[in-house]
Amino acid sequence: MSSPDLGFELATESHRVRRTFGFIDLSKFTTYGNTYGDDRAVAQLSTFRSIVRSVGSATGVRVAKWLGDGAMLVALDPVGMMSAVLRILRQCSANELDLDLHGGIAEGHVILFEGDDYIGVTVNLAARLADAAKPGQVLAPVELVPGIERTEAVIGPIVVPGFALPVDVADITRAVSLVESRNL
């Protein structure tokens, strides 16, 4: 049986690329909206998105997707991503955003799917680390920042849903000077 002629060819190739992913999210956004109303929640979200766009433009970190009250970010290297996320946190604080951010970062090979989406373990790890982060935390695997294992930023192994083995993580917000010293 032959396949129907669709007038175009279906893409059967995937492209494996190395990227760094960051997921950042406004903590307790739903509760905030329910407490203060939609208009005030939207104002918080607008400020957050404006800051993310501004930092992304200045650092080369791209918003891959907006995720309601969060964003999936993509960068070519982990240092650029970590620096951008720390900058976003600082600017949100300086703009007196009522809500804390939390996030997760991971780096590795993924599949660039249909030219505009990323699929793979690295993306999933970054998203799950963001889910596990407390307000004000940005979790990343310890190996992402050489030298971080000797700092108070190390949290240790955590169980990450969907992963067979615990992941040794650190909170990069507790090692700002170490992260920023890598950003030459």
Protein backbone atom coordinates (compact mmCIF):
# COMPACT_ATOMS: atom_id res chain seq x y z
CA MET A 1 0.00 0.00 0.00
CA SER A 2 1.49 3.37 -0.98
CA SER A 3 1.28 6.45 1.16
CA PRO A 4 -0.97 9.27 -0.02
CA ASP A 5 0.54 12.24 -1.85
CA LEU A 6 0.21 15.11 0.60
CA GLY A 7 1.74 17.68 -1.72
CA PHE A 8 4.80 17.94 0.51
CA GLU A 9 7.34 15.63 2.07
CA LEU A 10 7.16 14.76 5.73
CA ALA A 11 10.33 15.57 7.62
CA THR A 12 11.96 12.37 8.78
CA GLU A 13 15.31 13.84 9.84
CA SER A 14 16.06 15.23 13.22
CA HIS A 15 18.95 17.48 14.08
CA ARG A 16 20.86 16.88 17.28
CA VAL A 17 22.29 20.06 18.80
CA ARG A 18 23.95 21.00 22.08
CA ARG A 19 22.09 23.74 23.96
CA THR A 20 21.46 25.03 27.45
CA PHE A 21 17.89 25.33 28.66
CA GLY A 22 16.44 27.38 31.44
CA PHE A 23 12.94 27.30 32.79
CA ILE A 24 11.89 30.22 34.95
CA ASP A 25 8.53 30.66 36.57
CA LEU A 26 6.70 33.11 38.81
CA SER A 27 6.17 31.38 42.16
CA LYS A 28 2.60 31.15 43.44
CA PHE A 29 1.15 33.07 40.47
CA THR A 30 -2.22 31.30 40.69
CA THR A 31 -2.58 32.13 44.38
CA TYR A 32 -1.56 35.72 43.66
CA GLY A 33 -4.22 36.04 40.95
CA ASN A 34 -6.88 34.53 43.20
CA THR A 35 -5.92 36.88 46.05
CA TYR A 36 -5.37 40.17 44.18
CA GLY A 37 -7.35 39.66 40.99
CA ASP A 38 -6.53 39.12 37.34
CA ASP A 39 -5.60 42.71 36.55
CA ARG A 40 -2.89 42.86 39.19
CA ALA A 41 -1.64 39.38 38.22
CA VAL A 42 -1.42 40.42 34.57
CA ALA A 43 0.57 43.51 35.57
CA GLN A 44 3.07 41.24 37.37
CA LEU A 45 3.25 38.96 34.34
CA SER A 46 3.75 41.92 31.97
CA THR A 47 6.66 43.21 34.05
CA PHE A 48 8.21 39.73 34.19
CA ARG A 49 7.93 39.21 30.43
CA SER A 50 9.32 42.65 29.69
CA ILE A 51 12.36 41.92 31.85
CA VAL A 52 12.89 38.51 30.24
CA ARG A 53 12.71 40.02 26.74
CA SER A 54 15.11 42.82 27.66
CA VAL A 55 17.67 40.51 29.27
CA GLY A 56 17.34 38.02 26.44
CA SER A 57 18.02 40.70 23.83
CA ALA A 58 21.06 41.92 25.76
CA THR A 59 22.55 38.47 26.39
CA GLY A 60 21.64 36.36 23.37
CA VAL A 61 19.41 34.07 25.41
CA ARG A 62 16.25 33.36 23.44
CA VAL A 63 12.72 32.75 24.70
CA ALA A 64 11.89 29.38 23.14
CA LYS A 65 8.34 29.39 24.57
CA TRP A 66 6.20 31.39 26.94
CA LEU A 67 4.57 29.04 29.42
CA GLY A 68 1.80 31.10 30.99
CA ASP A 69 3.54 32.56 34.06
CA GLY A 70 6.92 31.20 32.99
CA ALA A 71 9.30 30.81 30.09
CA MET A 72 11.50 28.22 28.46
CA LEU A 73 14.82 29.83 27.56
CA VAL A 74 17.54 28.52 25.25
CA ALA A 75 21.20 29.51 24.96
CA LEU A 76 24.32 28.22 23.28
CA ASP A 77 26.26 27.87 26.52
CA PRO A 78 25.56 27.37 30.22
CA VAL A 79 27.47 30.44 31.41
CA GLY A 80 25.36 32.73 29.22
CA MET A 81 22.17 31.09 30.47
CA MET A 82 23.14 31.25 34.14
CA SER A 83 24.20 34.88 33.83
CA ALA A 84 20.96 35.79 32.06
CA VAL A 85 18.78 34.03 34.63
CA LEU A 86 20.61 35.72 37.50
CA ARG A 87 20.17 39.06 35.75
CA ILE A 88 16.44 38.39 35.30
CA LEU A 89 16.17 37.62 39.03
CA ARG A 90 17.98 40.84 39.96
CA GLN A 91 15.85 42.97 37.64
CA CYS A 92 12.62 41.43 38.88
CA SER A 93 13.70 42.25 42.42
CA ALA A 94 14.76 45.79 41.45
CA ASN A 95 11.38 46.33 39.78
CA GLU A 96 9.75 45.22 43.03
CA LEU A 97 7.88 42.35 41.48
CA ASP A 98 5.57 40.96 44.16
CA LEU A 99 6.36 37.37 43.21
CA ASP A 100 9.60 35.42 43.54
CA LEU A 101 10.98 33.45 40.63
CA HIS A 102 12.22 29.89 40.64
CA GLY A 103 13.98 28.00 37.90
CA GLY A 104 16.04 25.16 36.57
CA ILE A 105 18.93 24.96 34.11
CA ALA A 106 20.48 22.01 32.26
CA GLU A 107 22.82 21.60 29.31
CA GLY A 108 23.29 18.81 26.78
CA HIS A 109 22.36 17.36 23.42
CA VAL A 110 18.74 17.54 22.31
CA ILE A 111 16.78 17.12 19.12
CA LEU A 112 15.85 20.28 17.25
CA PHE A 113 12.36 19.25 16.15
CA GLU A 114 10.72 20.84 13.12
CA GLY A 115 13.15 23.74 13.33
CA ASP A 116 11.56 25.47 16.32
CA ASP A 117 11.17 23.05 19.22
CA TYR A 118 13.56 21.08 21.38
CA ILE A 119 13.00 17.52 22.54
CA GLY A 120 15.11 15.46 24.91
CA VAL A 121 16.31 14.56 28.36
CA THR A 122 18.10 17.89 28.85
CA VAL A 123 14.91 19.88 28.30
CA ASN A 124 13.02 17.60 30.67
CA LEU A 125 15.72 17.88 33.33
CA ALA A 126 15.71 21.70 33.24
CA ALA A 127 11.90 21.73 33.52
CA ARG A 128 11.85 19.24 36.42
CA LEU A 129 14.58 21.16 38.26
CA ALA A 130 12.46 24.31 37.94
CA ASP A 131 9.51 22.39 39.37
CA ALA A 132 11.66 21.26 42.31
CA ALA A 133 13.09 24.73 43.02
CA LYS A 134 11.74 26.76 45.91
CA PRO A 135 10.89 30.46 45.46
CA GLY A 136 14.13 32.33 44.86
CA GLN A 137 16.07 29.20 43.84
CA VAL A 138 17.53 28.27 40.47
CA LEU A 139 18.66 24.66 40.45
CA ALA A 140 21.27 23.23 38.10
CA PRO A 141 23.36 20.06 38.01
CA VAL A 142 26.59 20.55 39.98
CA GLU A 143 28.74 19.73 36.93
CA LEU A 144 27.37 22.78 35.10
CA VAL A 145 29.60 25.14 37.11
CA PRO A 146 33.14 23.91 37.74
CA GLY A 147 34.13 24.79 41.30
CA ILE A 148 30.58 25.05 42.62
CA GLU A 149 30.98 21.70 44.38
CA ARG A 150 33.22 23.44 46.93
CA THR A 151 30.63 26.09 47.84
CA GLU A 152 27.57 26.41 50.05
CA ALA A 153 25.48 26.44 46.87
CA VAL A 154 25.46 22.64 46.71
CA ILE A 155 22.17 21.12 47.79
CA GLY A 156 23.14 17.53 47.02
CA PRO A 157 21.33 14.71 45.26
CA ILE A 158 17.60 15.11 44.71
CA VAL A 159 15.08 12.73 43.23
CA VAL A 160 13.85 14.17 39.93
CA PRO A 161 10.55 12.71 38.65
CA GLY A 162 11.10 10.69 35.49
CA PHE A 163 14.83 10.15 36.14
CA ALA A 164 16.14 6.82 37.39
CA LEU A 165 18.99 8.23 39.47
CA PRO A 166 19.09 11.23 41.81
CA VAL A 167 20.69 14.37 40.34
CA ASP A 168 23.37 16.22 42.31
CA VAL A 169 22.22 19.87 42.22
CA ALA A 170 23.25 23.31 43.35
CA ASP A 171 21.35 26.56 43.72
CA ILE A 172 23.18 29.00 41.42
CA THR A 173 21.69 31.97 43.25
CA ARG A 174 23.98 31.02 46.17
CA ALA A 175 27.09 31.11 43.97
CA VAL A 176 26.60 34.34 42.01
CA SER A 177 30.26 35.41 42.19
CA LEU A 178 31.43 32.02 40.93
CA VAL A 179 28.94 32.02 38.04
CA GLU A 180 29.73 35.62 37.10
CA SER A 181 33.50 34.98 37.19
CA ARG A 182 32.94 32.46 34.36
CA ASN A 183 31.22 35.13 32.23
CA LEU A 184 34.26 36.70 30.61
